[in-house]
């Protein structure tokens, strides 16, 4: 399915000196076809205000639990929250429990109440404390269903731990859901199994469209969780107290050793990258994995395992920076699931610009050299040999 955003050809535009048609935001067509500026608040390009999903007094609760990453929920977590909101009726309240700091808009994501637990994050391995926190939240709100993303970064494990400890019914890898049933693929995806909506739902990625036609109340709830007192309760916490888990920390590895399919931050080179050593230095400085287009691989600049596209690797990075890549349809297929795409290209009309969240119209070689110089200057100013910044987080903040 093609998920690329398409530009409305009827929107007002100007013709540049190079003969390119440029759509201008914040402008509207005048009487003679000219463009007239409008206020930023004009209705022409303003997103329509969405109605509240429900304003009725809640009689039931659906709980959604997920880990935040750098203050935001990833696509999978947003899909899970949307799934819960879509099947909730007017008398059901959607409560979002976030493990870690959350700075996003819970209402826009469909949540009526937000409970934030900033003491937890994905860099800390505390499965028993998280289980106690989830069990305490369930005890406080008595939800009819608990939703979690079925992923490998903590949520899937937490959902299975809770279901086992609470002796709750559970459905995993859910690919279809409505108010009465869930369904999953079984027998190596050769069969389809369905059942009534269970106590715990672990939703597979891309099962639900995260964009909602409504908003939630978005109320932030001050909820204090005491791990020690929670663990002293019964039910799910009673067995958890008997097990000791020790966090051995995170072992940092070179980003170049990471498989592209697992990389969260990727810089990719195309035919427009002529200075490969400088590009590789930039990748090392930013702590990013290295990818390449098919043209760059065919030219011998990179090995075949670096190729991204329909005939190479399909990646799901949070940040993907494409240097000198025009964006053939095969390459765009390989980056369709990337969260933020930044393109550096001389051609403003290149196909990659239509996919990119941010396009820098500049020479790839000059941009790489400038970034390397900025990194060296920053290290010198700080008096350390550390990398420039956590560039993945910076890029996400700039594009949020």
Protein backbone atom coordinates (compact mmCIF):
# COMPACT_ATOMS: atom_id res chain seq x y z
CA UNK A 1 0.00 0.00 0.00
CA UNK A 2 1.40 3.41 -1.01
CA UNK A 3 1.43 5.70 2.03
CA UNK A 4 3.35 8.59 0.46
CA UNK A 5 1.75 11.97 1.00
CA UNK A 6 0.48 13.59 -2.18
CA UNK A 7 0.46 17.32 -2.79
CA UNK A 8 -2.76 18.89 -4.03
CA UNK A 9 -1.92 20.21 -7.54
CA UNK A 10 -4.65 22.86 -7.21
CA UNK A 11 -2.89 24.67 -4.39
CA UNK A 12 -1.49 28.15 -5.24
CA UNK A 13 2.03 28.16 -6.69
CA UNK A 14 4.75 30.31 -8.20
CA UNK A 15 7.28 29.58 -10.96
CA UNK A 16 10.94 29.97 -9.94
CA UNK A 17 13.74 31.29 -12.16
CA UNK A 18 14.73 27.69 -12.81
CA UNK A 19 11.24 26.93 -14.08
CA UNK A 20 10.19 24.90 -11.02
CA UNK A 21 6.66 25.08 -9.69
CA UNK A 22 6.77 25.93 -5.98
CA UNK A 23 3.70 25.69 -3.75
CA UNK A 24 3.71 28.48 -1.20
CA UNK A 25 2.20 27.87 2.21
CA UNK A 26 0.23 30.68 3.82
CA UNK A 27 -0.79 32.13 0.42
CA UNK A 28 -4.06 32.14 -1.45
CA UNK A 29 -4.87 32.87 -5.09
CA UNK A 30 -5.98 36.44 -5.85
CA UNK A 31 -8.39 37.73 -8.44
CA UNK A 32 -5.88 37.63 -11.32
CA UNK A 33 -4.24 34.40 -10.29
CA UNK A 34 -1.61 36.20 -8.21
CA UNK A 35 -0.78 35.11 -4.68
CA UNK A 36 -1.94 37.10 -1.68
CA UNK A 37 -0.58 36.48 1.82
CA UNK A 38 -3.04 35.45 4.45
CA UNK A 39 -2.80 35.35 8.21
CA UNK A 40 -1.30 32.30 9.82
CA UNK A 41 -4.65 31.61 11.40
CA UNK A 42 -6.50 31.59 8.07
CA UNK A 43 -8.78 28.66 7.55
CA UNK A 44 -7.26 27.80 4.15
CA UNK A 45 -4.38 25.79 5.54
CA UNK A 46 -5.47 25.30 9.14
CA UNK A 47 -6.29 21.84 10.34
CA UNK A 48 -9.94 21.45 11.20
CA UNK A 49 -10.71 21.42 14.91
CA UNK A 50 -11.66 17.90 15.95
CA UNK A 51 -14.54 17.16 18.28
CA UNK A 52 -14.15 15.37 21.60
CA UNK A 53 -14.76 11.64 21.33
CA UNK A 54 -17.08 11.69 24.32
CA UNK A 55 -18.25 14.09 27.00
CA UNK A 56 -20.41 11.58 28.86
CA UNK A 57 -19.69 10.55 32.44
CA UNK A 58 -17.45 7.46 32.19
CA UNK A 59 -18.75 4.14 33.46
CA UNK A 60 -15.90 1.95 32.17
CA UNK A 61 -12.17 2.33 31.55
CA UNK A 62 -9.85 1.00 28.88
CA UNK A 63 -6.19 1.19 29.90
CA UNK A 64 -3.35 1.60 27.39
CA UNK A 65 0.23 1.12 28.63
CA UNK A 66 3.38 1.91 26.64
CA UNK A 67 6.96 3.08 27.02
CA UNK A 68 7.94 6.56 25.86
CA UNK A 69 11.13 7.22 23.91
CA UNK A 70 12.72 10.67 24.29
CA UNK A 71 9.44 12.10 25.53
CA UNK A 72 7.23 10.71 22.77
CA UNK A 73 5.34 7.57 21.83
CA UNK A 74 6.51 5.72 18.73
CA UNK A 75 4.20 4.82 15.85
CA UNK A 76 3.38 1.40 17.29
CA UNK A 77 2.34 2.86 20.66
CA UNK A 78 0.22 5.54 18.97
CA UNK A 79 -1.49 2.87 16.89
CA UNK A 80 -2.29 0.91 20.04
CA UNK A 81 -3.76 3.97 21.73
CA UNK A 82 -5.80 4.74 18.62
CA UNK A 83 -7.11 1.18 18.55
CA UNK A 84 -8.36 1.48 22.12
CA UNK A 85 -9.95 4.87 21.42
CA UNK A 86 -11.69 3.65 18.26
CA UNK A 87 -13.43 0.74 19.96
CA UNK A 88 -14.36 2.69 23.11
CA UNK A 89 -18.00 3.74 23.32
CA UNK A 90 -19.29 7.04 24.68
CA UNK A 91 -19.40 5.71 28.24
CA UNK A 92 -15.82 4.38 28.18
CA UNK A 93 -12.81 6.41 29.26
CA UNK A 94 -9.40 5.80 27.67
CA UNK A 95 -6.55 6.03 30.20
CA UNK A 96 -2.94 6.17 28.95
CA UNK A 97 -0.18 4.91 31.26
CA UNK A 98 3.25 6.03 30.02
CA UNK A 99 6.46 4.49 31.33
CA UNK A 100 8.98 7.31 31.04
CA UNK A 101 8.74 11.04 30.46
CA UNK A 102 6.01 12.11 28.05
CA UNK A 103 5.88 15.59 26.50
CA UNK A 104 3.38 14.90 23.69
CA UNK A 105 -0.28 15.79 23.30
CA UNK A 106 -2.24 12.94 24.88
CA UNK A 107 -5.58 14.42 23.82
CA UNK A 108 -4.61 14.47 20.13
CA UNK A 109 -3.62 10.81 20.41
CA UNK A 110 -7.06 9.89 21.77
CA UNK A 111 -6.41 9.62 25.53
CA UNK A 112 -8.87 10.98 28.06
CA UNK A 113 -6.47 10.69 31.00
CA UNK A 114 -2.67 10.56 31.08
CA UNK A 115 -0.62 8.93 33.83
CA UNK A 116 3.09 9.57 33.48
CA UNK A 117 5.77 7.53 35.28
CA UNK A 118 9.03 9.40 34.51
CA UNK A 119 11.09 7.10 36.73
CA UNK A 120 10.87 4.40 34.04
CA UNK A 121 12.39 4.49 30.56
CA UNK A 122 13.62 2.06 27.92
CA UNK A 123 17.24 2.35 29.04
CA UNK A 124 16.40 0.94 32.46
CA UNK A 125 15.55 -2.74 32.83
CA UNK A 126 13.10 -3.00 35.72
CA UNK A 127 10.47 -5.55 34.67
CA UNK A 128 9.21 -6.27 38.18
CA UNK A 129 8.80 -2.61 39.10
CA UNK A 130 6.97 -2.01 35.83
CA UNK A 131 4.75 -5.02 36.47
CA UNK A 132 3.94 -3.69 39.95
CA UNK A 133 3.15 -0.26 38.49
CA UNK A 134 0.84 -1.72 35.86
CA UNK A 135 -0.89 -3.94 38.43
CA UNK A 136 -1.37 -0.96 40.77
CA UNK A 137 -2.86 1.11 37.95
CA UNK A 138 -5.22 -1.74 37.03
CA UNK A 139 -6.26 -2.00 40.69
CA UNK A 140 -6.93 1.74 40.82
CA UNK A 141 -8.94 2.05 37.61
CA UNK A 142 -10.36 -1.49 37.13
CA UNK A 143 -10.20 -1.37 33.31
CA UNK A 144 -12.30 -3.75 31.25
CA UNK A 145 -9.36 -4.22 28.85
CA UNK A 146 -5.62 -3.47 28.91
CA UNK A 147 -3.87 -2.61 25.63
CA UNK A 148 -0.11 -2.72 24.96
CA UNK A 149 2.00 -2.67 21.78
CA UNK A 150 3.33 -6.14 20.99
CA UNK A 151 6.96 -5.15 20.51
CA UNK A 152 10.39 -6.33 21.60
CA UNK A 153 11.31 -3.19 23.53
CA UNK A 154 9.52 -3.85 26.80
CA UNK A 155 5.80 -3.47 26.17
CA UNK A 156 5.24 -6.96 24.75
CA UNK A 157 7.16 -8.54 27.63
CA UNK A 158 5.27 -6.45 30.20
CA UNK A 159 1.90 -7.43 28.75
CA UNK A 160 2.74 -11.13 28.86
CA UNK A 161 4.10 -10.85 32.42
CA UNK A 162 0.96 -9.10 33.60
CA UNK A 163 -1.41 -11.56 31.89
CA UNK A 164 0.44 -14.51 33.41
CA UNK A 165 0.65 -12.99 36.90
CA UNK A 166 -2.98 -11.85 36.95
CA UNK A 167 -4.27 -15.02 35.27
CA UNK A 168 -5.93 -12.80 32.66
CA UNK A 169 -7.05 -13.77 29.16
CA UNK A 170 -4.66 -12.45 26.51
CA UNK A 171 -4.34 -12.16 22.74
CA UNK A 172 -0.93 -11.52 21.17
CA UNK A 173 0.14 -10.32 17.71
CA UNK A 174 -3.37 -8.94 17.14
CA UNK A 175 -3.80 -7.75 13.54
CA UNK A 176 -7.58 -7.19 13.55
CA UNK A 177 -9.72 -5.67 16.25
CA UNK A 178 -13.17 -4.23 16.86
CA UNK A 179 -15.44 -3.77 19.88
CA UNK A 180 -16.30 -7.47 20.07
CA UNK A 181 -13.35 -9.53 18.79
CA UNK A 182 -9.65 -9.74 17.96
CA UNK A 183 -7.85 -11.86 15.39
CA UNK A 184 -4.27 -13.00 14.73
CA UNK A 185 -2.40 -14.99 12.13
CA UNK A 186 -1.46 -18.54 13.15
CA UNK A 187 0.35 -21.52 11.62
CA UNK A 188 3.09 -19.45 9.97
CA UNK A 189 0.53 -16.91 8.71
CA UNK A 190 -1.39 -19.57 6.79
CA UNK A 191 -4.51 -19.36 8.98
CA UNK A 192 -6.53 -16.73 10.82
CA UNK A 193 -7.70 -17.18 14.43
CA UNK A 194 -10.35 -15.00 16.09
CA UNK A 195 -11.76 -14.77 19.60
CA UNK A 196 -13.81 -12.41 21.77
CA UNK A 197 -12.07 -9.34 23.15
CA UNK A 198 -9.74 -10.58 25.96
CA UNK A 199 -8.57 -8.88 29.14
CA UNK A 200 -5.15 -8.06 27.67
CA UNK A 201 -4.66 -7.10 24.03
CA UNK A 202 -1.15 -7.00 22.53
CA UNK A 203 -1.50 -5.21 19.21
CA UNK A 204 0.75 -5.97 16.24
CA UNK A 205 2.33 -3.02 14.37
CA UNK A 206 0.33 -1.32 11.61
CA UNK A 207 -2.94 -2.98 12.66
CA UNK A 208 -4.61 0.41 13.25
CA UNK A 209 -4.35 3.80 11.57
CA UNK A 210 -3.09 6.22 14.29
CA UNK A 211 -4.83 9.31 12.85
CA UNK A 212 -8.13 9.83 14.63
CA UNK A 213 -11.19 11.87 13.64
CA UNK A 214 -11.60 13.02 17.26
CA UNK A 215 -9.58 13.98 20.32
CA UNK A 216 -9.66 12.86 23.92
CA UNK A 217 -9.93 14.93 27.07
CA UNK A 218 -6.16 14.71 27.62
CA UNK A 219 -6.34 15.26 31.40
CA UNK A 220 -3.04 14.76 33.21
CA UNK A 221 -3.47 12.77 36.40
CA UNK A 222 -1.05 13.08 39.29
CA UNK A 223 -0.64 9.45 40.33
CA UNK A 224 2.16 8.53 42.70
CA UNK A 225 3.51 5.03 42.43
CA UNK A 226 5.42 3.55 45.36
CA UNK A 227 7.16 0.42 44.10
CA UNK A 228 7.72 -0.96 47.57
CA UNK A 229 4.12 -0.61 48.69
CA UNK A 230 2.81 -1.85 45.35
CA UNK A 231 4.94 -4.95 45.64
CA UNK A 232 3.48 -5.68 49.06
CA UNK A 233 0.02 -6.25 47.63
CA UNK A 234 -1.47 -9.45 46.39
CA UNK A 235 -2.35 -10.77 42.99
CA UNK A 236 0.21 -10.06 40.30
CA UNK A 237 2.70 -8.55 42.75
CA UNK A 238 2.82 -11.42 45.23
CA UNK A 239 4.81 -13.72 42.97
CA UNK A 240 6.92 -10.86 41.60
CA UNK A 241 8.41 -10.18 45.06
CA UNK A 242 10.05 -13.61 45.09
CA UNK A 243 12.15 -12.95 41.99
CA UNK A 244 15.26 -10.78 41.94
CA UNK A 245 16.25 -9.03 38.72
CA UNK A 246 19.51 -7.12 38.41
CA UNK A 247 19.99 -4.50 35.71
CA UNK A 248 23.41 -4.98 34.10
CA UNK A 249 23.12 -1.76 32.13
CA UNK A 250 23.33 -1.16 28.40
CA UNK A 251 26.31 -2.25 26.38
CA UNK A 252 27.13 0.38 23.80
CA UNK A 253 28.23 -0.88 20.39
CA UNK A 254 29.49 0.83 17.28
CA UNK A 255 26.56 1.91 15.13
CA UNK A 256 28.36 0.51 12.09
CA UNK A 257 28.03 -2.98 13.59
CA UNK A 258 24.26 -2.66 13.97
CA UNK A 259 22.01 -4.29 11.39
CA UNK A 260 20.17 -1.66 9.36
CA UNK A 261 16.84 -3.27 10.20
CA UNK A 262 17.52 -2.59 13.89
CA UNK A 263 19.05 0.90 13.56
CA UNK A 264 17.16 3.85 15.02
CA UNK A 265 19.29 6.50 13.26
CA UNK A 266 20.60 6.05 9.71
CA UNK A 267 22.57 8.28 7.35
CA UNK A 268 22.37 7.09 3.77
CA UNK A 269 24.46 7.98 0.72
CA UNK A 270 23.44 8.14 -2.91
CA UNK A 271 25.09 9.01 -6.18
CA UNK A 272 25.50 12.60 -4.97
CA UNK A 273 28.04 11.57 -2.31
CA UNK A 274 31.52 11.68 -3.82
CA UNK A 275 33.65 11.87 -0.66
CA UNK A 276 32.89 8.54 1.01
CA UNK A 277 35.53 8.87 3.81
CA UNK A 278 34.02 12.21 4.87
CA UNK A 279 30.55 10.65 4.85
CA UNK A 280 31.75 7.76 7.02
CA UNK A 281 33.39 10.20 9.45
CA UNK A 282 30.10 12.05 9.77
CA UNK A 283 28.24 8.81 10.47
CA UNK A 284 30.75 7.91 13.19
CA UNK A 285 30.48 11.39 14.71
CA UNK A 286 26.69 11.27 14.79
CA UNK A 287 26.58 7.67 16.00
CA UNK A 288 24.47 6.63 13.03
CA UNK A 289 24.33 3.44 10.98
CA UNK A 290 25.35 3.70 7.32
CA UNK A 291 23.02 2.95 4.42
CA UNK A 292 23.22 3.49 0.68
CA UNK A 293 21.13 3.63 -2.46
CA UNK A 294 21.37 0.95 -5.13
CA UNK A 295 23.29 3.29 -7.44
CA UNK A 296 25.95 3.93 -4.79
CA UNK A 297 26.25 0.19 -4.14
CA UNK A 298 26.47 -0.66 -7.85
CA UNK A 299 29.26 1.92 -8.20
CA UNK A 300 31.26 0.03 -5.57
CA UNK A 301 31.18 2.80 -2.96
CA UNK A 302 29.41 0.58 -0.40
CA UNK A 303 28.92 -3.13 0.16
CA UNK A 304 25.68 -4.82 -0.83
CA UNK A 305 24.54 -5.27 2.80
CA UNK A 306 24.22 -1.45 3.05
CA UNK A 307 21.68 -1.20 0.25
CA UNK A 308 18.27 0.17 1.25
CA UNK A 309 15.23 -0.29 -0.93
CA UNK A 310 12.87 -2.84 -2.43
CA UNK A 311 15.84 -4.98 -3.56
CA UNK A 312 17.80 -4.31 -0.36
CA UNK A 313 16.92 -3.64 3.27
CA UNK A 314 13.65 -2.21 4.58
CA UNK A 315 14.35 0.03 7.56
CA UNK A 316 12.23 1.59 10.33
CA UNK A 317 14.57 4.23 11.74
CA UNK A 318 13.29 7.12 13.83
CA UNK A 319 15.56 9.44 11.80
CA UNK A 320 16.77 8.78 8.26
CA UNK A 321 19.03 11.33 6.55
CA UNK A 322 19.48 10.85 2.78
CA UNK A 323 22.51 12.58 1.22
CA UNK A 324 22.44 12.89 -2.55
CA UNK A 325 19.63 10.34 -3.07
CA UNK A 326 17.06 11.23 -5.73
CA UNK A 327 14.49 8.80 -4.34
CA UNK A 328 13.57 6.15 -6.88
CA UNK A 329 10.39 4.29 -6.06
CA UNK A 330 12.40 1.22 -5.00
CA UNK A 331 14.35 3.28 -2.47
CA UNK A 332 11.22 4.96 -1.13
CA UNK A 333 9.73 1.51 -0.57
CA UNK A 334 12.64 0.68 1.72
CA UNK A 335 12.14 3.77 3.92
CA UNK A 336 8.33 3.86 4.00
CA UNK A 337 8.25 3.01 7.72
CA UNK A 338 10.85 5.58 8.82
CA UNK A 339 9.47 8.13 11.25
CA UNK A 340 11.39 11.25 10.16
CA UNK A 341 13.15 11.57 6.79
CA UNK A 342 15.60 14.40 6.06
CA UNK A 343 16.80 14.82 2.47
CA UNK A 344 19.91 16.73 1.34
CA UNK A 345 19.73 17.24 -2.42
CA UNK A 346 20.40 19.90 -5.03
CA UNK A 347 17.19 19.05 -6.87
CA UNK A 348 14.17 20.50 -5.06
CA UNK A 349 11.84 18.46 -7.25
CA UNK A 350 13.52 15.08 -6.58
CA UNK A 351 11.06 12.35 -5.50
CA UNK A 352 12.81 12.06 -2.12
CA UNK A 353 11.65 15.63 -1.34
CA UNK A 354 8.01 14.51 -1.49
CA UNK A 355 8.67 11.81 1.11
CA UNK A 356 10.96 13.90 3.33
CA UNK A 357 9.71 15.73 6.41
CA UNK A 358 12.54 18.24 5.89
CA UNK A 359 14.47 18.90 2.66
CA UNK A 360 17.78 20.78 2.55
CA UNK A 361 18.46 22.14 -0.97
CA UNK A 362 22.25 21.96 -0.97
CA UNK A 363 25.21 20.01 -2.31
CA UNK A 364 25.65 16.77 -0.38
CA UNK A 365 29.45 16.99 -0.30
CA UNK A 366 29.46 20.56 0.98
CA UNK A 367 26.81 19.76 3.59
CA UNK A 368 28.76 16.75 4.87
CA UNK A 369 31.95 18.82 5.08
CA UNK A 370 30.13 21.60 6.94
CA UNK A 371 28.63 19.12 9.43
CA UNK A 372 32.04 17.56 10.04
CA UNK A 373 33.54 21.00 10.65
CA UNK A 374 30.70 21.89 13.03
CA UNK A 375 31.26 18.64 14.93
CA UNK A 376 35.00 19.31 15.24
CA UNK A 377 34.34 22.87 16.42
CA UNK A 378 31.82 21.67 18.99
CA UNK A 379 34.23 19.06 20.36
CA UNK A 380 37.00 21.64 20.58
CA UNK A 381 34.74 24.13 22.36
CA UNK A 382 33.73 21.52 24.90
CA UNK A 383 37.27 20.29 25.37
CA UNK A 384 36.19 16.65 25.04
CA UNK A 385 36.41 13.94 22.44
CA UNK A 386 32.74 13.07 22.80
CA UNK A 387 30.42 12.92 19.84
CA UNK A 388 28.67 16.09 18.77
CA UNK A 389 25.21 15.38 20.16
CA UNK A 390 22.64 12.69 20.37
CA UNK A 391 21.65 13.66 16.85
CA UNK A 392 18.69 11.31 16.64
CA UNK A 393 17.04 13.10 19.55
CA UNK A 394 17.95 16.52 18.15
CA UNK A 395 16.50 15.69 14.75
CA UNK A 396 13.27 14.37 16.30
CA UNK A 397 12.96 17.53 18.39
CA UNK A 398 13.43 19.73 15.32
CA UNK A 399 10.79 17.82 13.38
CA UNK A 400 8.25 17.37 16.18
